[in-house]
Protein backbone atom coordinates (compact mmCIF):
# COMPACT_ATOMS: atom_id res chain seq x y z
CA MET A 1 27.16 10.45 43.37
CA ASN A 2 30.09 8.13 43.54
CA VAL A 3 29.54 4.65 42.19
CA ALA A 4 32.16 2.30 43.57
CA PRO A 5 32.77 -1.05 41.89
CA ASN A 6 32.64 -4.14 44.09
CA SER A 7 35.21 -6.88 44.17
CA ASP A 8 32.60 -9.64 44.21
CA ALA A 9 32.91 -11.20 40.77
CA ASN A 10 29.61 -13.04 41.16
CA SER A 11 27.57 -9.88 41.69
CA VAL A 12 25.21 -8.49 39.11
CA GLY A 13 25.54 -4.79 38.35
CA ASN A 14 29.28 -4.88 39.07
CA HIS A 15 31.16 -3.39 36.13
CA ALA A 16 34.65 -2.05 35.51
CA MET A 17 34.82 1.67 36.14
CA PRO A 18 36.33 4.19 33.73
CA SER A 19 38.68 6.88 34.92
CA PRO A 20 37.44 9.21 37.69
CA GLY A 21 35.22 12.17 36.90
CA ARG A 22 32.62 10.70 34.54
CA ALA A 23 29.38 12.67 34.62
CA ALA A 24 25.74 12.10 33.72
CA TYR A 25 23.74 15.28 33.14
CA PHE A 26 19.94 14.87 33.14
CA GLU A 27 17.82 17.51 31.38
CA CYS A 28 14.40 17.47 33.01
CA PHE A 29 12.45 19.78 30.68
CA SER A 30 9.52 17.35 30.92
CA GLY A 31 10.11 16.21 34.49
CA ALA A 32 11.40 12.75 35.30
CA SER A 33 10.24 9.33 36.45
CA GLY A 34 11.80 5.96 37.19
CA ASP A 35 10.98 4.43 33.82
CA MET A 36 12.19 7.57 31.99
CA ILE A 37 15.54 7.27 33.79
CA LEU A 38 15.80 3.60 32.75
CA GLY A 39 14.88 4.48 29.17
CA ALA A 40 17.51 7.22 29.02
CA LEU A 41 20.25 4.92 30.35
CA VAL A 42 19.36 2.14 27.90
CA ASP A 43 19.22 4.65 25.04
CA ALA A 44 22.67 5.89 26.09
CA GLY A 45 24.15 2.44 25.64
CA TRP A 46 23.29 0.25 28.63
CA PRO A 47 22.43 -3.13 27.02
CA VAL A 48 18.90 -4.37 27.55
CA ALA A 49 20.32 -7.78 28.42
CA ASP A 50 22.28 -6.21 31.29
CA LEU A 51 19.15 -4.43 32.50
CA GLU A 52 17.27 -7.74 32.50
CA GLU A 53 20.11 -9.43 34.37
CA VAL A 54 20.05 -6.74 37.06
CA LEU A 55 16.28 -6.91 37.49
CA ASN A 56 16.36 -10.72 37.66
CA ALA A 57 18.99 -10.50 40.39
CA VAL A 58 16.20 -9.34 42.74
CA ASP A 59 13.93 -12.12 43.99
CA LEU A 60 10.61 -10.59 42.97
CA ASP A 61 7.92 -12.17 40.81
CA GLY A 62 4.90 -10.78 39.04
CA TRP A 63 6.45 -8.51 36.40
CA THR A 64 7.46 -8.37 32.76
CA LEU A 65 9.88 -6.04 30.98
CA GLU A 66 9.16 -4.27 27.70
CA VAL A 67 11.72 -2.09 25.90
CA LYS A 68 10.90 -0.43 22.60
CA PRO A 69 11.81 2.59 20.46
CA THR A 70 9.23 5.36 20.25
CA LYS A 71 8.77 9.02 19.36
CA LYS A 72 7.57 11.81 21.60
CA GLY A 73 6.89 14.87 19.49
CA ALA A 74 9.96 15.36 17.29
CA LEU A 75 12.24 13.33 19.57
CA ARG A 76 13.16 9.68 19.13
CA ALA A 77 13.45 7.89 22.48
CA THR A 78 13.56 4.52 24.21
CA GLN A 79 10.61 3.51 26.36
CA VAL A 80 11.14 1.04 29.20
CA THR A 81 8.06 -0.39 30.88
CA ILE A 82 7.99 -2.78 33.83
CA ARG A 83 4.48 -4.21 33.86
CA VAL A 84 3.01 -5.68 37.02
CA THR A 85 1.23 -8.97 36.38
CA GLY A 86 -0.26 -9.58 39.82
CA ALA A 87 -1.49 -7.96 43.01
CA GLN A 88 1.20 -6.24 45.06
CA PRO A 89 1.40 -5.94 48.86
CA GLU A 90 2.00 -2.69 50.69
CA ARG A 91 5.56 -3.14 51.89
CA THR A 92 7.50 -1.29 54.59
CA VAL A 93 11.19 -0.51 54.44
CA LEU A 94 11.70 -3.51 56.74
CA ASP A 95 10.01 -5.71 54.11
CA ILE A 96 12.06 -4.32 51.23
CA ALA A 97 15.49 -4.32 52.91
CA PRO A 98 15.82 -8.15 53.12
CA ILE A 99 14.82 -8.47 49.46
CA ILE A 100 17.60 -6.12 48.40
CA THR A 101 20.14 -7.55 50.84
CA ALA A 102 19.53 -11.11 49.58
CA SER A 103 19.76 -10.11 45.91
CA ARG A 104 22.73 -10.78 43.62
CA LEU A 105 23.32 -7.08 43.04
CA SER A 106 26.73 -5.59 43.71
CA GLU A 107 27.28 -4.33 47.24
CA THR A 108 27.47 -0.77 45.93
CA VAL A 109 24.08 -1.02 44.28
CA LYS A 110 22.56 -2.69 47.34
CA SER A 111 23.83 0.06 49.61
CA ARG A 112 22.53 2.88 47.46
CA VAL A 113 19.13 1.26 46.90
CA LEU A 114 18.70 0.65 50.64
CA GLY A 115 19.68 4.25 51.24
CA LEU A 116 17.02 5.46 48.84
CA PHE A 117 14.32 3.45 50.57
CA ASP A 118 15.51 4.77 53.93
CA GLU A 119 15.06 8.28 52.56
CA LEU A 120 11.59 7.49 51.33
CA ALA A 121 10.62 6.04 54.71
CA ASP A 122 11.95 9.14 56.44
CA VAL A 123 9.91 11.49 54.26
CA GLU A 124 6.79 9.35 54.51
CA ALA A 125 7.14 9.17 58.29
CA LEU A 126 7.04 12.94 58.55
CA GLN A 127 3.81 13.07 56.57
CA HIS A 128 2.13 10.33 58.59
CA ASP A 129 3.67 11.23 61.95
CA GLU A 130 4.95 7.73 62.64
CA ALA A 131 8.23 5.86 62.78
CA PRO A 132 9.97 5.35 59.39
CA GLU A 133 10.02 1.57 59.78
CA SER A 134 6.25 1.56 60.33
CA VAL A 135 5.34 3.41 57.14
CA HIS A 136 3.57 1.25 54.55
CA PHE A 137 4.50 2.20 51.02
CA HIS A 138 1.61 2.02 48.60
CA GLU A 139 2.54 1.94 44.91
CA VAL A 140 6.24 2.37 45.67
CA GLY A 141 6.26 -0.96 47.48
CA ALA A 142 5.15 -2.71 44.31
CA VAL A 143 7.58 -4.68 42.22
CA ASP A 144 7.75 -2.17 39.35
CA SER A 145 8.75 0.69 41.65
CA ILE A 146 11.40 -1.39 43.41
CA LEU A 147 12.88 -2.51 40.10
CA ASP A 148 12.83 1.01 38.65
CA ILE A 149 14.98 2.15 41.57
CA VAL A 150 17.31 -0.85 41.37
CA GLY A 151 17.70 -0.39 37.61
CA ALA A 152 18.46 3.31 37.85
CA VAL A 153 21.23 2.82 40.42
CA ALA A 154 22.73 -0.19 38.63
CA GLY A 155 22.54 1.50 35.23
CA LEU A 156 24.52 4.52 36.40
CA GLU A 157 27.15 2.19 37.84
CA ALA A 158 27.27 0.13 34.66
CA LEU A 159 27.87 3.24 32.52
CA GLY A 160 30.73 4.30 34.78
CA VAL A 161 29.04 7.43 36.13
CA THR A 162 30.79 8.99 39.14
CA HIS A 163 28.93 12.33 39.21
CA VAL A 164 25.26 13.05 38.55
CA PHE A 165 24.07 16.54 37.65
CA VAL A 166 20.52 17.67 36.94
CA SER A 167 18.98 20.68 35.26
CA PRO A 168 16.24 22.71 36.95
CA ILE A 169 13.22 20.38 36.89
CA ASN A 170 9.86 21.05 35.28
CA VAL A 171 7.43 19.72 37.89
CA GLY A 172 4.07 20.46 36.22
CA GLY A 173 1.09 21.62 38.21
CA GLY A 174 -2.51 21.09 39.25
CA THR A 175 -3.59 18.25 41.50
CA VAL A 176 -3.37 14.48 41.44
CA ASP A 177 -5.42 11.65 42.94
CA THR A 178 -3.48 9.36 45.30
CA ARG A 179 -4.23 6.68 47.86
CA ASP A 180 -4.15 9.46 50.45
CA GLY A 181 -6.61 11.62 48.53
CA ILE A 182 -6.14 14.62 46.26
CA LEU A 183 -2.73 16.26 46.55
CA PRO A 184 -1.16 19.29 44.90
CA VAL A 185 1.53 18.94 42.23
CA PRO A 186 4.31 18.54 43.09
CA GLY A 187 3.20 16.28 45.90
CA PRO A 188 4.43 16.93 49.42
CA ALA A 189 6.97 14.06 49.29
CA THR A 190 8.34 15.20 45.95
CA LEU A 191 8.65 18.80 47.08
CA GLU A 192 10.30 17.82 50.36
CA LEU A 193 12.85 15.65 48.57
CA LEU A 194 13.74 18.53 46.26
CA ARG A 195 13.94 20.95 49.17
CA ARG A 196 16.34 18.70 51.05
CA ARG A 197 18.66 18.54 48.06
CA ASN A 198 18.37 22.19 46.96
CA ILE A 199 17.18 21.20 43.47
CA PRO A 200 15.71 24.18 41.54
CA ILE A 201 12.25 23.65 40.04
CA TYR A 202 9.82 25.47 37.77
CA ALA A 203 6.54 24.89 35.92
CA THR A 204 5.78 25.72 32.31
CA GLU A 205 2.06 25.19 32.61
CA TYR A 206 -0.68 24.49 35.10
CA GLY A 207 -1.47 20.95 34.11
CA PRO A 208 -0.23 17.39 34.52
CA GLU A 209 2.33 16.04 36.95
CA PHE A 210 5.67 15.90 35.14
CA LEU A 211 7.90 14.88 38.05
CA THR A 212 7.05 11.74 40.01
CA PRO A 213 8.35 10.98 43.49
CA THR A 214 10.60 8.21 42.14
CA GLY A 215 12.17 10.56 39.64
CA ALA A 216 12.62 13.25 42.30
CA LEU A 217 14.25 10.92 44.77
CA VAL A 218 16.57 9.02 42.43
CA LEU A 219 17.86 12.15 40.69
CA GLY A 220 17.75 14.34 43.79
CA CYS A 221 19.51 11.97 46.15
CA LEU A 222 22.14 10.79 43.68
CA SER A 223 22.81 14.29 42.37
CA ASN A 224 26.10 16.09 42.99
CA GLY A 225 24.68 19.41 41.81
CA SER A 226 22.04 21.15 39.73
CA GLY A 227 22.05 23.91 37.17
CA PRO A 228 23.25 24.30 33.57
CA PHE A 229 25.47 21.83 31.74
CA PRO A 230 28.69 21.10 33.67
CA ALA A 231 32.02 21.40 31.85
CA MET A 232 32.25 17.94 30.30
CA GLN A 233 32.89 16.10 27.07
CA VAL A 234 29.68 14.46 25.85
CA GLU A 235 30.31 10.91 24.64
CA LYS A 236 26.86 9.34 24.93
CA ILE A 237 23.32 10.74 24.72
CA GLY A 238 20.14 8.97 25.71
CA TYR A 239 16.44 9.85 25.56
CA GLY A 240 14.00 8.08 27.88
CA ALA A 241 10.29 8.28 27.11
CA GLY A 242 7.47 8.51 29.61
CA GLN A 243 4.21 6.65 29.16
CA LYS A 244 1.91 9.60 28.42
CA ASP A 245 1.85 12.28 25.75
CA PHE A 246 1.88 15.94 26.76
CA ARG A 247 2.00 19.21 24.89
CA ILE A 248 5.78 19.09 25.21
CA PRO A 249 7.74 15.90 24.42
CA ASN A 250 7.51 13.59 27.42
CA VAL A 251 11.21 12.77 27.36
CA LEU A 252 14.17 12.82 29.76
CA ARG A 253 17.59 13.38 28.16
CA VAL A 254 20.90 12.26 29.65
CA SER A 255 24.39 13.18 28.43
CA ILE A 256 27.31 11.08 29.66
CA GLY A 257 31.05 11.68 29.44
CA PRO A 258 34.19 12.75 31.30
CA LEU A 259 34.26 16.01 33.22
CA SER A 260 36.63 18.51 31.61
CA PRO A 261 39.94 18.76 33.51
CA GLY A 262 40.89 22.15 34.79
CA ARG A 263 37.36 23.51 34.57
CA ARG A 264 35.42 24.59 37.65
CA ASN A 265 32.34 22.43 38.00
CA ARG A 266 29.75 23.25 40.61
CA ALA A 267 29.63 20.48 43.27
CA ALA A 268 33.03 19.19 42.07
CA LEU A 269 35.05 21.73 44.06
CA LYS A 270 38.35 21.00 45.73
CA MET A 271 38.54 20.86 49.49
CA SER A 272 40.60 24.04 49.63
CA GLU A 273 37.74 25.93 48.04
CA LEU A 274 35.24 24.71 50.62
CA GLU A 275 37.08 24.83 53.93
CA GLY A 276 35.94 27.27 56.53
CA SER A 277 38.34 29.19 58.72
CA GLY A 278 37.99 26.73 61.59
CA GLY A 279 37.58 23.55 59.58
CA GLN A 280 39.93 20.66 59.25
CA GLU A 281 38.52 17.94 57.08
CA GLY A 282 35.43 18.00 54.85
CA SER A 283 31.98 18.72 56.16
CA PRO A 284 28.37 18.02 55.56
CA GLY A 285 26.26 19.98 53.22
CA PRO A 286 23.37 22.01 54.43
CA ASP A 287 20.59 19.59 54.31
CA HIS A 288 20.79 15.91 54.33
CA SER A 289 22.17 12.81 55.88
CA HIS A 290 21.60 10.05 53.39
CA GLY A 291 20.56 9.28 49.89
CA HIS A 292 17.37 7.33 49.31
CA PRO A 293 14.51 6.68 46.70
CA THR A 294 10.93 7.42 46.54
CA GLU A 295 7.60 6.09 45.73
CA HIS A 296 6.71 4.91 42.34
CA ASP A 297 6.18 6.68 39.11
CA ARG A 298 2.70 7.42 38.23
CA ASP A 299 1.88 9.08 34.99
CA HIS A 300 5.29 8.96 33.46
CA GLY A 301 4.57 5.42 33.73
CA HIS A 302 3.37 4.63 37.16
CA ASP A 303 1.09 5.54 39.95
CA HIS A 304 2.75 6.69 43.10
CA ASP A 305 1.20 7.23 46.38
CA HIS A 306 1.79 10.32 48.41
CA GLY A 307 4.24 12.95 49.31
CA HIS A 308 4.57 14.81 52.48
CA ASP A 309 4.58 18.26 53.67
CA HIS A 310 5.99 19.30 57.00
CA SER A 311 7.65 22.15 58.77
CA HIS A 312 10.42 20.19 60.49
CA GLU A 313 14.04 20.97 59.95
CA PRO A 314 15.73 18.53 57.56
CA HIS A 315 17.20 15.39 59.01
CA GLY A 316 20.54 16.24 57.39
CA LEU A 317 23.74 17.08 59.14
CA SER A 318 24.75 20.55 60.20
CA THR A 319 28.32 21.56 60.90
CA SER A 320 27.44 22.26 64.50
CA ALA A 321 26.47 18.61 64.96
CA LEU A 322 29.83 17.21 63.95
CA THR A 323 32.01 18.02 66.94
CA ASP A 324 34.32 15.75 68.80
CA SER A 325 34.14 15.05 72.54
CA GLY A 326 36.20 18.15 73.26
CA GLY A 327 33.79 20.41 71.44
CA GLN A 328 36.05 20.98 68.43
CA LEU A 329 34.44 21.17 65.03
CA VAL A 330 35.56 18.11 63.14
CA ASN A 331 34.31 19.16 59.72
CA SER A 332 33.36 22.59 58.44
CA ILE A 333 32.62 24.16 55.11
CA ALA A 334 32.39 27.82 54.35
CA THR A 335 28.92 29.12 55.09
CA SER A 336 28.70 30.60 51.63
CA ALA A 337 29.31 27.21 50.04
CA MET A 338 26.53 25.64 52.10
CA ALA A 339 24.14 28.47 51.33
CA GLN A 340 24.69 27.74 47.64
CA GLY A 341 23.72 24.12 48.05
CA GLY A 342 27.24 22.76 48.33
CA PRO A 343 28.17 19.10 48.56
CA THR A 344 27.00 16.88 51.39
CA LEU A 345 29.50 15.32 53.78
CA SER A 346 29.85 12.25 51.59
CA THR A 347 30.50 14.17 48.37
CA VAL A 348 33.08 16.40 50.04
CA VAL A 349 34.93 13.58 51.77
CA GLU A 350 35.10 11.49 48.63
CA ARG A 351 37.03 14.22 46.80
CA GLN A 352 39.87 14.63 49.29
CA HIS A 353 42.09 11.85 47.99
CA PRO A 354 44.17 11.78 44.82
CA TYR A 355 42.09 8.78 43.81
CA GLN A 356 38.42 9.39 43.01
CA ALA A 357 36.60 8.00 46.02
CA GLY A 358 35.44 4.45 45.52
CA THR A 359 37.40 3.98 42.28
CA PRO A 360 39.93 1.30 43.17
CA ASP A 361 43.56 1.56 42.25
CA ARG A 362 45.45 -1.69 41.98
CA PRO A 363 49.09 -1.29 43.04
CA VAL A 364 51.23 -4.24 42.12
CA SER A 365 53.73 -5.72 44.57
CA ASP A 366 56.40 -8.32 43.89
CA GLU A 367 53.92 -10.98 44.93
CA GLY A 368 50.83 -9.83 43.06
CA GLU A 369 48.03 -7.31 42.89
CA TYR A 370 46.39 -5.48 45.80
CA VAL A 371 43.11 -3.57 45.77
CA SER A 372 43.14 -0.01 47.10
CA ASP A 373 40.05 2.10 47.63
CA ASP A 374 39.00 5.25 49.47
CA VAL A 375 37.05 4.84 52.70
CA VAL A 376 35.97 7.03 55.60
CA GLN A 377 36.66 6.17 59.25
CA LEU A 378 34.14 7.40 61.79
CA GLU A 379 35.11 7.25 65.46
CA THR A 380 33.53 8.31 68.73
CA ASN A 381 34.15 7.66 72.45
CA ILE A 382 31.07 6.77 74.51
CA ASP A 383 31.13 6.53 78.31
CA ASN A 384 27.46 6.86 79.22
CA MET A 385 25.64 4.14 77.31
CA SER A 386 24.53 0.66 78.33
CA GLY A 387 26.53 -2.20 76.83
CA GLU A 388 23.49 -3.83 75.23
CA TRP A 389 23.08 -0.81 72.96
CA PHE A 390 26.38 -1.43 71.22
CA GLY A 391 25.21 -4.75 69.78
CA HIS A 392 22.13 -3.06 68.35
CA LEU A 393 24.25 -0.22 66.96
CA THR A 394 26.57 -2.68 65.23
CA ASP A 395 23.66 -4.54 63.61
CA VAL A 396 22.02 -1.34 62.37
CA LEU A 397 25.25 0.09 60.93
CA LEU A 398 26.12 -3.11 59.10
CA SER A 399 22.58 -3.41 57.71
CA ARG A 400 22.90 0.12 56.33
CA GLY A 401 26.10 -0.43 54.42
CA ALA A 402 28.96 -0.06 56.92
CA LEU A 403 32.03 -2.04 55.88
CA ASP A 404 33.16 -2.76 59.44
CA VAL A 405 32.32 -1.84 63.04
CA THR A 406 34.88 -2.16 65.85
CA LEU A 407 34.25 -1.74 69.59
CA ILE A 408 37.31 -1.15 71.80
CA PRO A 409 37.20 -0.78 75.61
CA ALA A 410 38.95 2.37 76.84
CA GLN A 411 39.44 4.46 79.95
CA MET A 412 38.49 8.13 79.78
CA LYS A 413 39.52 11.01 82.03
CA LYS A 414 38.70 10.64 85.73
CA GLY A 415 38.91 6.87 85.26
CA ARG A 416 35.57 6.49 83.52
CA PRO A 417 35.24 3.25 81.48
CA ALA A 418 34.23 3.87 77.88
CA THR A 419 33.94 2.24 74.47
CA ILE A 420 35.62 3.52 71.30
CA VAL A 421 33.28 2.92 68.36
CA THR A 422 35.08 2.83 65.01
CA VAL A 423 33.07 2.51 61.80
CA LEU A 424 34.47 2.08 58.29
CA VAL A 425 32.24 3.18 55.40
CA LYS A 426 32.42 3.98 51.72
CA PRO A 427 32.56 7.75 51.12
CA GLY A 428 29.06 7.81 49.67
CA ASP A 429 27.64 6.20 52.83
CA THR A 430 29.22 8.68 55.26
CA ASP A 431 26.14 10.83 55.84
CA ARG A 432 23.92 7.85 56.54
CA ALA A 433 26.39 6.29 58.99
CA VAL A 434 26.88 9.57 60.85
CA ALA A 435 23.12 10.05 61.14
CA THR A 436 22.75 6.47 62.41
CA ILE A 437 25.42 6.92 65.10
CA PHE A 438 23.81 10.12 66.37
CA LYS A 439 20.38 8.49 66.33
CA GLU A 440 21.33 5.21 68.01
CA THR A 441 23.87 6.37 70.64
CA THR A 442 24.36 9.02 73.30
CA THR A 443 27.42 10.56 71.66
CA LEU A 444 27.71 14.30 71.08
CA GLY A 445 30.44 14.21 68.46
CA ILE A 446 32.09 12.07 65.80
CA ARG A 447 35.59 12.20 64.35
CA VAL A 448 35.59 11.85 60.54
CA ARG A 449 38.77 10.78 58.76
CA PRO A 450 38.98 10.12 55.01
CA THR A 451 41.59 7.43 54.46
CA GLN A 452 42.52 4.53 52.22
CA ARG A 453 42.63 0.80 52.71
CA VAL A 454 44.58 -1.83 50.81
CA THR A 455 43.02 -5.28 50.63
CA LEU A 456 43.65 -8.57 48.91
CA PRO A 457 41.33 -9.42 46.01
CA ARG A 458 38.43 -11.54 47.22
CA ARG A 459 35.73 -13.59 45.58
CA ILE A 460 32.70 -15.52 46.81
CA GLU A 461 32.27 -19.18 45.85
CA SER A 462 29.59 -21.68 46.83
CA VAL A 463 30.46 -25.23 47.88
CA ALA A 464 28.28 -28.28 48.51
CA THR A 465 28.55 -29.80 51.99
CA PRO A 466 26.63 -32.59 53.75
CA PHE A 467 24.78 -29.80 55.54
CA GLY A 468 23.78 -27.93 52.39
CA PRO A 469 25.39 -25.23 50.23
CA VAL A 470 27.72 -22.78 51.97
CA ARG A 471 29.34 -19.66 50.57
CA VAL A 472 33.09 -19.32 50.99
CA LYS A 473 35.16 -16.14 50.76
CA VAL A 474 38.48 -16.71 48.99
CA ALA A 475 41.32 -14.17 49.23
CA THR A 476 44.17 -14.27 46.72
CA LEU A 477 47.59 -12.70 46.26
CA GLY A 478 48.80 -13.09 42.71
CA SER A 479 48.20 -16.73 41.79
CA SER A 480 48.20 -17.91 45.40
CA VAL A 481 45.21 -18.41 47.68
CA ARG A 482 45.94 -16.62 50.94
CA GLY A 483 42.75 -17.35 52.86
CA VAL A 484 39.53 -19.37 52.71
CA SER A 485 36.75 -18.32 55.07
CA PRO A 486 33.28 -19.91 55.14
CA GLU A 487 30.49 -17.36 55.51
CA PHE A 488 29.49 -17.43 59.17
CA ASP A 489 25.77 -16.78 58.60
CA ASP A 490 25.54 -19.69 56.14
CA CYS A 491 27.31 -22.01 58.55
CA ARG A 492 25.21 -20.94 61.50
CA GLU A 493 21.97 -21.45 59.54
CA ALA A 494 23.10 -24.92 58.43
CA ALA A 495 24.12 -25.84 61.98
CA VAL A 496 20.76 -24.77 63.41
CA ARG A 497 18.84 -26.50 60.63
CA THR A 498 20.67 -29.83 60.85
CA GLY A 499 21.61 -29.94 64.52
CA ALA A 500 25.30 -30.20 63.68
CA SER A 501 27.93 -28.20 65.51
CA LEU A 502 29.03 -24.90 64.00
CA GLN A 503 32.63 -26.10 63.94
CA SER A 504 31.77 -29.23 61.93
CA VAL A 505 29.87 -27.20 59.33
CA MET A 506 32.75 -24.72 58.92
CA ASP A 507 35.34 -27.53 58.68
CA SER A 508 33.18 -29.30 56.11
CA ALA A 509 32.94 -26.13 54.01
CA ARG A 510 36.73 -25.66 54.05
CA ASP A 511 37.28 -29.31 53.11
CA ALA A 512 34.73 -29.08 50.29
CA TRP A 513 36.44 -26.01 48.87
CA SER A 514 39.88 -27.66 49.10
CA ARG A 515 38.65 -30.77 47.26
CA ALA A 516 36.98 -28.69 44.55
CA SER A 517 40.11 -26.54 44.18
CA LEU A 518 42.33 -29.59 43.69
CA VAL A 519 40.01 -30.90 40.98
CA THR A 520 39.77 -27.63 39.04
CA ASN A 521 43.35 -26.42 39.59
CA PRO A 522 45.63 -29.28 40.71
CA VAL A 523 48.83 -27.23 40.37
CA SER A 524 47.51 -24.11 42.05
CA GLY A 525 49.77 -22.60 44.67
């Protein structure tokens, strides 16, 4: 996992990051669930007020939050419960995505949460043999499940975690009643999620379900590796309690602190240790293309619906898939590293730079402060696809977290007209973007280039105009404002709603910001 802070000062769940290489190690001796993860993060020092602020940043009603100390066996722990106070609809990923996108969460948290729900839809679709966007989530579409997932992602970001590690997971046993009928433990969805991420599991007894789908997906998809304790300095410890009492303490423990320098941590390997003989840059791991969450917790606090069993190959990326138009392998990792459950494409790419991927450095020029962060550039040449498809591709990529999409006309060999598609993503979103390009285009290969970008600090402000409120993006360099850009979508919506021209709405937004700026800062440069 790589949690990148966002420059939007008005976002919730956007916190200053500590130095690179801060780990969270989850010990799952009694399984895991969404509320246990929240409890562990709060117990480790995430303020309850910050948790409430994050949950309230999502426009969902019908829930209350309860946080209290408790004991499970001999262990003291914190129990977090999100109680549903009304009936909940069965939502699809297409219902949930706009809720997350419109929230006041940081862009990093939004991207990861959307990725988790994409993963869930993908797994559910295999079970039900239908398209991912058509799958109706049962319990996981309820408000408590959505907020458990949002809270887990935001809490890790707030505590400065850049790497997540998990122990082998106690899954429990027996059977469980779900909306789809009686299923074995672990359920098909839970087991498939763990298989995709190469997470080791075991069972101490044939009895209750210890690991819920939400716990499996959040920890599995955000994990950088599994096994014994990584080499790290433990600074904070948290215990999160489940809702039920078992023979063993129903508790999830998390230890948080910096990774030890100079020590070899599994899934924190350098590129030189992972490159294959024919490789150039970093490459995908064995199994998966994106990170994404799961249904809702059931008996560690919540009912979930179903999992899914199937015999298909994983939807992850294989090294053979990532070739450029000339057939050259763009990214490769030693086969032995992949066989051992090595990092995915995103976790490899994000470790190539001297900066920890997504952790911004702020070089200072004579004129002021810039923002530098690690990004990945994906590029492919397409000469056999209808032009209408490119608009759809752009919309899908941007909705799934891409930072920018550029389409450039080009001429290929033998005079064939083509389009160069260039996509800029955060390192942690690389797998998902690559999978999207392969799915939505006719390309046979993608060039992957880890790089850096330097940007001016930006903030979002809201101004009142005669056409309604409009958000404005303000770029600064030192104490000077270098650019003011009204948000296009806000202006377009106001223009359609009022019948005004788009130009008049945008001009009005700029004028409103200028007037407000003169009032609040009359000597500003």
